Protein backbone atom coordinates (compact mmCIF):
# COMPACT_ATOMS: atom_id res chain seq x y z
CA MET A 1 135.40 112.15 107.08
CA ILE A 2 135.95 109.58 104.31
CA ARG A 3 134.43 110.45 100.94
CA ARG A 4 133.50 107.52 98.67
CA HIS A 5 133.93 107.75 94.94
CA PRO A 6 130.54 107.48 93.06
CA HIS A 7 131.83 104.50 91.06
CA ALA A 8 132.07 102.52 94.30
CA PHE A 9 128.27 102.08 94.29
CA TYR A 10 128.03 100.65 90.77
CA PRO A 11 128.61 96.99 91.78
CA LEU A 12 125.85 97.28 94.42
CA ILE A 13 123.40 98.76 91.91
CA ILE A 14 124.14 96.01 89.39
CA CYS A 15 123.63 93.27 92.00
CA MET A 16 120.31 94.74 93.13
CA SER A 17 119.05 94.99 89.55
CA LEU A 18 119.75 91.29 89.03
CA ILE A 19 117.63 90.15 91.98
CA LEU A 20 114.71 92.50 91.33
CA SER A 21 111.74 91.00 89.46
CA GLY A 22 110.98 92.45 86.09
CA CYS A 23 108.77 92.03 83.02
CA TRP A 24 111.28 90.40 80.70
CA ASN A 25 108.90 87.53 79.82
CA MET A 26 105.81 89.71 79.47
CA ARG A 27 103.87 89.38 76.23
CA GLU A 28 101.80 92.17 74.74
CA ILE A 29 98.06 91.55 74.47
CA GLU A 30 98.13 91.72 70.67
CA HIS A 31 100.70 88.90 70.63
CA LEU A 32 98.28 86.42 72.24
CA ILE A 33 95.14 84.67 70.99
CA TYR A 34 92.53 84.59 73.75
CA ILE A 35 90.15 81.63 73.84
CA ASN A 36 86.56 82.57 74.73
CA SER A 37 84.83 79.17 74.71
CA ILE A 38 85.76 75.50 74.52
CA GLY A 39 83.62 72.92 72.70
CA VAL A 40 83.96 69.15 73.11
CA ASP A 41 82.52 66.49 70.79
CA TYR A 42 83.07 62.77 70.24
CA VAL A 43 83.01 61.47 66.66
CA ASP A 44 84.22 58.11 65.30
CA ASN A 45 85.92 57.18 68.57
CA LYS A 46 87.89 60.44 68.55
CA VAL A 47 87.64 63.49 70.78
CA VAL A 48 87.03 66.66 68.78
CA THR A 49 87.88 69.94 70.52
CA TYR A 50 86.72 73.35 69.28
CA LEU A 51 88.09 76.71 70.39
CA GLN A 52 86.15 79.94 69.87
CA ILE A 53 88.41 82.97 69.41
CA LEU A 54 87.18 86.58 69.53
CA SER A 55 88.70 89.81 68.30
CA PHE A 56 88.89 92.36 71.13
CA THR A 57 89.35 95.36 68.84
CA ASN A 58 85.65 95.99 68.31
CA ILE A 59 84.89 95.41 72.00
CA ALA A 60 87.30 98.16 73.00
CA LYS A 61 85.83 100.55 70.41
CA ALA A 62 82.24 99.89 71.57
CA GLU A 63 83.08 100.32 75.24
CA ALA A 64 84.86 103.59 74.42
CA GLY A 65 81.67 104.89 72.79
CA GLY A 66 82.56 104.06 69.20
CA GLN A 67 80.28 102.52 66.61
CA ARG A 68 79.76 98.77 66.84
CA GLN A 69 81.26 96.78 64.01
CA PRO A 70 80.47 93.17 63.10
CA GLN A 71 82.62 90.99 65.34
CA VAL A 72 84.99 88.48 63.80
CA ILE A 73 84.65 84.99 65.30
CA SER A 74 87.26 82.33 64.56
CA VAL A 75 86.81 78.66 65.45
CA GLY A 76 89.70 76.21 65.73
CA LYS A 77 89.29 72.43 65.57
CA GLY A 78 91.56 69.67 66.87
CA VAL A 79 91.08 65.89 66.80
CA GLY A 80 92.77 63.34 69.05
CA ASP A 81 92.42 60.22 71.15
CA SER A 82 91.80 62.36 74.25
CA PHE A 83 90.79 65.92 75.09
CA ASP A 84 94.36 67.04 75.74
CA SER A 85 95.80 65.35 72.65
CA ALA A 86 93.14 67.04 70.50
CA ILE A 87 94.32 70.42 71.83
CA PHE A 88 97.97 69.63 71.14
CA ASN A 89 97.05 68.59 67.61
CA LEU A 90 95.59 72.08 67.17
CA TYR A 91 98.70 73.95 68.36
CA PRO A 92 100.84 73.47 65.20
CA SER A 93 98.34 75.46 63.09
CA ALA A 94 97.97 78.34 65.57
CA THR A 95 99.52 81.60 64.33
CA GLN A 96 100.21 82.93 67.85
CA ARG A 97 100.30 81.61 71.39
CA LEU A 98 96.89 80.56 72.74
CA ALA A 99 95.90 82.04 76.11
CA TRP A 100 93.48 80.03 78.26
CA SER A 101 93.02 82.49 81.11
CA GLN A 102 89.96 84.20 79.58
CA VAL A 103 87.81 81.13 78.85
CA LYS A 104 84.18 81.93 79.68
CA SER A 105 82.31 78.71 78.85
CA VAL A 106 82.63 75.06 77.90
CA VAL A 107 80.09 73.24 75.72
CA PHE A 108 79.69 69.44 75.56
CA THR A 109 77.77 67.60 72.88
CA GLU A 110 75.39 64.86 73.92
CA ARG A 111 77.80 62.32 72.36
CA ALA A 112 80.69 63.61 74.47
CA ILE A 113 78.64 63.29 77.66
CA LYS A 114 77.50 59.75 76.81
CA ASN A 115 81.09 58.62 76.24
CA GLY A 116 82.45 60.09 79.47
CA ILE A 117 84.59 62.82 77.88
CA VAL A 118 83.33 65.24 80.55
CA HIS A 119 85.64 63.60 83.09
CA GLU A 120 88.67 64.05 80.81
CA VAL A 121 87.88 67.77 80.57
CA LEU A 122 87.45 68.09 84.34
CA ASP A 123 90.80 66.37 84.85
CA GLU A 124 92.43 68.95 82.56
CA PHE A 125 90.80 71.80 84.50
CA ASP A 126 92.28 70.28 87.66
CA ARG A 127 95.80 70.20 86.27
CA TYR A 128 96.27 73.28 84.09
CA TYR A 129 96.83 76.52 85.99
CA GLU A 130 95.25 78.90 83.45
CA LEU A 131 91.82 77.23 83.45
CA ARG A 132 89.19 78.29 86.00
CA TYR A 133 86.13 76.50 87.39
CA THR A 134 84.08 79.70 87.16
CA VAL A 135 83.31 79.09 83.46
CA TRP A 136 79.73 78.38 82.41
CA ALA A 137 78.93 74.78 81.44
CA PHE A 138 76.46 73.77 78.73
CA ALA A 139 75.39 70.78 76.69
CA THR A 140 74.11 70.86 73.11
CA LYS A 141 72.61 68.69 70.41
CA GLU A 142 73.68 71.14 67.71
CA ARG A 143 76.95 71.28 65.79
CA ILE A 144 79.42 73.15 67.99
CA GLU A 145 80.63 75.19 64.99
CA ASP A 146 77.07 76.55 64.62
CA ILE A 147 76.83 77.33 68.34
CA PHE A 148 80.14 79.22 68.24
CA ASP A 149 79.24 81.09 65.04
CA ALA A 150 75.97 82.48 66.45
CA LYS A 151 76.11 86.26 66.90
CA PRO A 152 73.88 88.47 69.07
CA ILE A 153 71.67 91.15 67.55
CA LEU A 154 72.88 94.71 66.90
CA ASN A 155 76.51 93.57 66.63
CA ILE A 156 76.65 93.11 70.39
CA SER A 157 79.81 91.29 71.41
CA VAL A 158 79.65 87.55 72.03
CA LEU A 159 81.10 88.38 75.47
CA TYR A 160 77.61 89.56 76.41
CA SER A 161 75.70 86.70 74.79
CA ARG A 162 73.92 83.74 76.34
CA LEU A 163 77.04 81.66 75.75
CA THR A 164 79.26 83.71 78.05
CA ASP A 165 76.85 85.80 80.17
CA PRO A 166 73.64 83.77 80.71
CA GLN A 167 73.03 85.03 84.25
CA ASP A 168 71.83 88.48 83.14
CA MET A 169 68.96 87.04 81.07
CA TYR A 170 68.14 84.49 83.78
CA ARG A 171 67.47 87.30 86.26
CA GLN A 172 64.89 88.81 83.91
CA ASN A 173 63.02 85.58 83.22
CA ALA A 174 64.04 82.54 85.27
CA ILE A 175 63.21 79.29 83.48
CA LEU A 176 66.36 77.14 83.55
CA ARG A 177 69.20 78.13 85.85
CA PRO A 178 72.60 78.30 84.12
CA ILE A 179 75.36 76.45 85.90
CA GLN A 180 79.04 77.21 86.44
CA LEU A 181 81.56 74.42 86.24
CA TYR A 182 82.40 74.44 89.96
CA ARG A 183 78.71 73.78 90.80
CA PHE A 184 78.60 71.06 88.15
CA VAL A 185 81.62 69.33 89.73
CA SER A 186 80.15 69.69 93.21
CA MET A 187 76.79 68.20 92.21
CA ILE A 188 78.13 65.38 90.05
CA ASN A 189 80.04 64.07 93.06
CA ASP A 190 77.06 64.35 95.45
CA LYS A 191 75.29 61.16 96.42
CA ASN A 192 71.96 60.53 94.72
CA ARG A 193 71.99 63.90 92.98
CA ALA A 194 70.66 64.63 89.51
CA VAL A 195 72.78 67.23 87.71
CA LEU A 196 70.70 69.39 85.37
CA LEU A 197 73.09 70.66 82.70
CA PRO A 198 71.34 73.25 80.47
CA TYR A 199 71.64 72.61 76.76
CA LEU A 200 71.88 75.24 74.06
CA SER A 201 69.93 75.24 70.81
CA LEU A 202 69.71 77.56 67.84
CA THR A 203 66.44 79.19 66.81
CA ASP A 204 65.65 81.63 64.00
CA LYS A 205 61.95 82.00 64.90
CA HIS A 206 62.19 85.10 67.09
CA TRP A 207 64.73 87.58 65.71
CA ALA A 208 65.56 89.07 62.33
CA GLU A 209 67.93 91.72 61.00
CA ASN A 210 67.23 93.56 57.76
CA LYS A 211 64.27 91.19 57.21
CA LYS A 212 66.53 88.15 57.39
CA PRO A 213 66.09 85.52 60.15
CA LEU A 214 68.89 85.69 62.71
CA PRO A 215 69.78 82.41 64.47
CA GLU A 216 70.12 83.01 68.21
CA LEU A 217 71.08 80.83 71.15
CA GLU A 218 68.50 79.72 73.69
CA LEU A 219 68.48 77.43 76.71
CA ASP A 220 66.18 74.78 75.31
CA GLY A 221 66.27 72.14 78.05
CA VAL A 222 68.55 70.14 80.33
CA CYS A 223 70.71 67.04 80.02
CA ILE A 224 70.40 65.00 83.20
CA LEU A 225 73.37 63.19 84.73
CA GLN A 226 72.84 60.94 87.73
CA ASN A 227 75.60 58.85 89.28
CA LYS A 228 77.85 60.32 86.55
CA LYS A 229 75.74 58.74 83.79
CA LEU A 230 73.57 60.50 81.23
CA LYS A 231 69.87 59.81 81.77
CA GLY A 232 68.69 61.83 78.81
CA CYS A 233 68.09 65.36 77.54
CA ILE A 234 64.64 66.87 78.14
CA PRO A 235 63.10 70.00 76.53
CA ARG A 236 62.29 72.83 78.93
CA GLU A 237 58.56 72.63 78.07
CA GLN A 238 58.45 69.28 79.89
CA LEU A 239 60.13 70.68 83.02
CA PRO A 240 58.09 73.81 83.84
CA GLY A 241 58.09 73.16 87.60
CA LEU A 242 61.85 73.41 88.13
CA ARG A 243 61.71 77.19 88.50
CA TRP A 244 59.35 77.03 91.50
CA LEU A 245 61.77 74.80 93.46
CA GLU A 246 64.91 76.78 92.57
CA ARG A 247 66.04 79.16 95.32
CA ASN A 248 67.73 81.46 92.78
CA THR A 249 64.57 82.16 90.80
CA THR A 250 64.09 85.93 90.86
CA ARG A 251 61.05 86.31 88.61
CA SER A 252 59.05 84.17 86.22
CA ALA A 253 55.70 84.54 84.49
CA ILE A 254 52.59 82.35 84.31
CA PRO A 255 49.80 82.92 81.74
CA LEU A 256 46.36 82.12 83.18
CA LYS A 257 43.50 80.71 81.11
CA LYS A 258 39.94 79.53 81.56
CA GLY A 259 39.64 76.86 78.95
CA LYS A 260 41.19 78.51 75.87
CA LEU A 261 40.35 82.05 76.99
CA PRO A 262 43.30 84.11 78.33
CA ILE A 263 42.61 85.72 81.71
CA ALA A 264 45.84 87.32 82.88
CA LEU A 265 49.60 87.18 83.02
CA VAL A 266 51.05 86.93 86.53
CA VAL A 267 54.72 87.56 87.29
CA LEU A 268 55.91 85.73 90.41
CA GLU A 269 59.04 86.57 92.39
CA ARG A 270 61.42 84.62 94.64
CA PRO A 271 59.40 81.47 95.42
CA LYS A 272 60.14 79.76 98.71
CA ALA A 273 59.93 75.97 98.47
CA LYS A 274 60.18 73.42 101.28
CA ILE A 275 60.28 69.66 100.76
CA THR A 276 59.65 67.49 103.81
CA PRO A 277 60.55 63.78 103.68
CA THR A 278 58.78 61.25 105.91
CA LEU A 279 58.52 57.48 106.15
CA LYS A 280 55.14 55.90 105.43
CA ASN A 281 55.01 52.14 106.02
CA GLY A 282 58.79 52.09 105.64
CA THR A 283 58.71 53.93 102.30
CA PRO A 284 59.96 57.51 101.87
CA VAL A 285 57.33 60.03 100.76
CA PHE A 286 57.70 63.76 100.22
CA ASP A 287 55.48 66.77 100.84
CA VAL A 288 56.19 69.93 98.83
CA LYS A 289 55.12 73.37 100.02
CA ILE A 290 55.60 76.50 97.90
CA ASN A 291 54.91 80.09 98.92
CA VAL A 292 55.23 82.82 96.33
CA SER A 293 54.02 86.36 95.74
CA GLY A 294 53.71 88.35 92.55
CA TYR A 295 51.85 90.93 90.52
CA VAL A 296 49.64 91.18 87.45
CA THR A 297 51.16 92.64 84.27
CA GLU A 298 48.23 91.87 81.96
CA ARG A 299 44.56 91.37 82.73
CA ALA A 300 42.07 90.31 80.06
CA SER A 301 39.17 89.31 82.33
CA LEU A 302 37.82 90.99 85.46
CA ILE A 303 37.80 87.93 87.69
CA PRO A 304 38.13 88.31 91.50
CA LEU A 305 41.64 88.54 92.88
CA SER A 306 41.11 85.47 95.08
CA GLU A 307 40.13 83.40 92.04
CA MET A 308 43.25 84.60 90.21
CA GLU A 309 45.42 83.47 93.14
CA THR A 310 43.67 80.08 93.19
CA LEU A 311 44.19 79.58 89.44
CA THR A 312 47.87 80.54 89.75
CA ALA A 313 48.42 78.10 92.63
CA LYS A 314 46.70 75.34 90.65
CA LYS A 315 48.89 76.04 87.62
CA ILE A 316 52.11 75.91 89.69
CA LYS A 317 51.02 72.62 91.29
CA GLU A 318 50.34 71.11 87.85
CA GLU A 319 53.76 72.21 86.62
CA VAL A 320 55.58 70.65 89.60
CA ILE A 321 53.71 67.34 89.19
CA LYS A 322 54.35 67.33 85.42
CA THR A 323 58.07 67.90 86.02
CA PHE A 324 58.20 65.06 88.56
CA GLN A 325 56.44 62.67 86.17
CA THR A 326 58.73 63.65 83.29
CA GLY A 327 61.72 62.74 85.44
CA LEU A 328 60.23 59.33 86.23
CA LYS A 329 59.90 58.58 82.51
CA HIS A 330 63.65 59.11 82.16
CA ASP A 331 64.47 57.27 85.39
CA ALA A 332 65.76 60.56 86.81
CA ASP A 333 65.02 62.27 90.12
CA VAL A 334 64.74 65.83 88.78
CA LEU A 335 63.21 67.18 92.01
CA GLN A 336 66.27 65.93 93.96
CA LEU A 337 64.07 63.97 96.41
CA GLY A 338 66.60 61.17 96.92
CA HIS A 339 69.43 63.61 97.57
CA LEU A 340 67.32 65.48 100.10
CA PHE A 341 66.46 62.22 101.88
CA TYR A 342 70.16 61.32 101.96
CA LYS A 343 70.98 64.61 103.68
CA ARG A 344 68.13 64.35 106.20
CA GLN A 345 68.24 60.62 106.97
CA PRO A 346 71.56 59.19 105.72
CA HIS A 347 71.37 55.90 107.66
CA THR A 348 67.86 55.12 106.39
CA TRP A 349 68.88 56.16 102.89
CA LYS A 350 71.76 53.67 103.01
CA LYS A 351 69.37 50.85 103.90
CA LEU A 352 66.79 51.71 101.25
CA SER A 353 69.00 52.81 98.34
CA LYS A 354 69.92 50.59 95.42
CA ASP A 355 73.09 51.31 93.42
CA HIS A 356 73.53 54.54 95.41
CA THR A 357 70.06 55.76 94.39
CA LEU A 358 66.84 55.96 96.38
CA PRO A 359 64.01 54.31 94.39
CA ILE A 360 61.44 56.96 93.40
CA THR A 361 57.92 56.08 92.22
CA GLU A 362 54.73 58.02 91.49
CA LYS A 363 53.67 57.51 95.11
CA SER A 364 56.85 59.18 96.38
CA LEU A 365 55.37 62.64 95.82
CA ALA A 366 52.68 62.63 98.51
CA SER A 367 51.42 66.22 98.18
CA VAL A 368 52.09 69.59 96.58
CA ASP A 369 50.69 72.60 98.44
CA VAL A 370 51.02 76.04 96.81
CA GLN A 371 50.12 79.39 98.35
CA VAL A 372 50.05 82.45 96.07
CA LYS A 373 49.68 86.09 97.09
CA ILE A 374 49.14 88.73 94.39
CA VAL A 375 50.28 92.00 95.93
CA HIS A 376 49.53 94.53 93.18
CA GLY A 377 48.57 95.04 89.56
CA GLY A 378 51.48 97.14 88.39
CA LEU A 379 50.59 100.80 87.79
CA SER A 380 46.89 99.95 87.65
CA LYS A 381 44.93 99.18 90.79
CA MET A 382 43.47 95.72 91.27
CA LYS A 383 39.68 95.77 91.68
């Protein structure tokens, strides 16, 4: 039997170590600056890019059960002839390498949308491997520095704010559905589709800390893009009917009144909407049917349950019609009637459309039928 000397295996071990993958290029977390949000503006024919940077130290302490400390928020600013050049003009002043893999949201100013900078940003998301289409997309009329500097109450991390986690608050009270970038891209390329991009505003009317007003973010309306062009930005008060046609609406409340006298507050859950297009004398018309159930959380007047259901149905119908009429004023199809007609009758749509858009008038909305069922009154019995 031949015995091999132990040194005979050394060349084999060295060769295997060379071909095995390792972590030679790995960087420690503390050696990277992680970008949380991207802001895009357009000023004096230049693209202005903002980067919101968070410190993860306090987040780790809070999640480990430690006391929350005020979070440090840093905002970088770069200016250039394009979105990408603005970023590269920011790099020389960065103290450490910027990591793009943790971006949670992107915010466009109204000026940036009007001047088509959105498409430059989407092109960059297509090309750079660290960026993801799962980020949340917003518009704003505010200064982006102010949007990025807004902090949640109780020193809660910005990671759990409306800027980076809007879905949680939407589930509790569905008014305007937040949108992720992949849905934005999908809709902006759809024929005859109006993209409703929520816009962020700052308000100091609702919250205070230590008796001082605290500016907080809110979804204050939508900016409407149709055929890749901005139609306008509309406050949410003028679009109350959107929630009843949105399949992702989980719950939303309606206050009922008789004249100026409050009657009740009804919370409605998971509305089911159906829009049926038909041709009337060669013109498309649409019938809307909405079925929804809910419960009473506040009752100020002992009116019959059937009357409460009738008043709720009437209120929902008024909100849908108001939303439709608001869209007409901005030459925007906010109820997506033209897109629905395109999907159902594409050949007829092609004959009737002008500039890739189906003409919508006040007569296009033929009827709105709403059926409401109030199933209970919370812990108290309905009489």
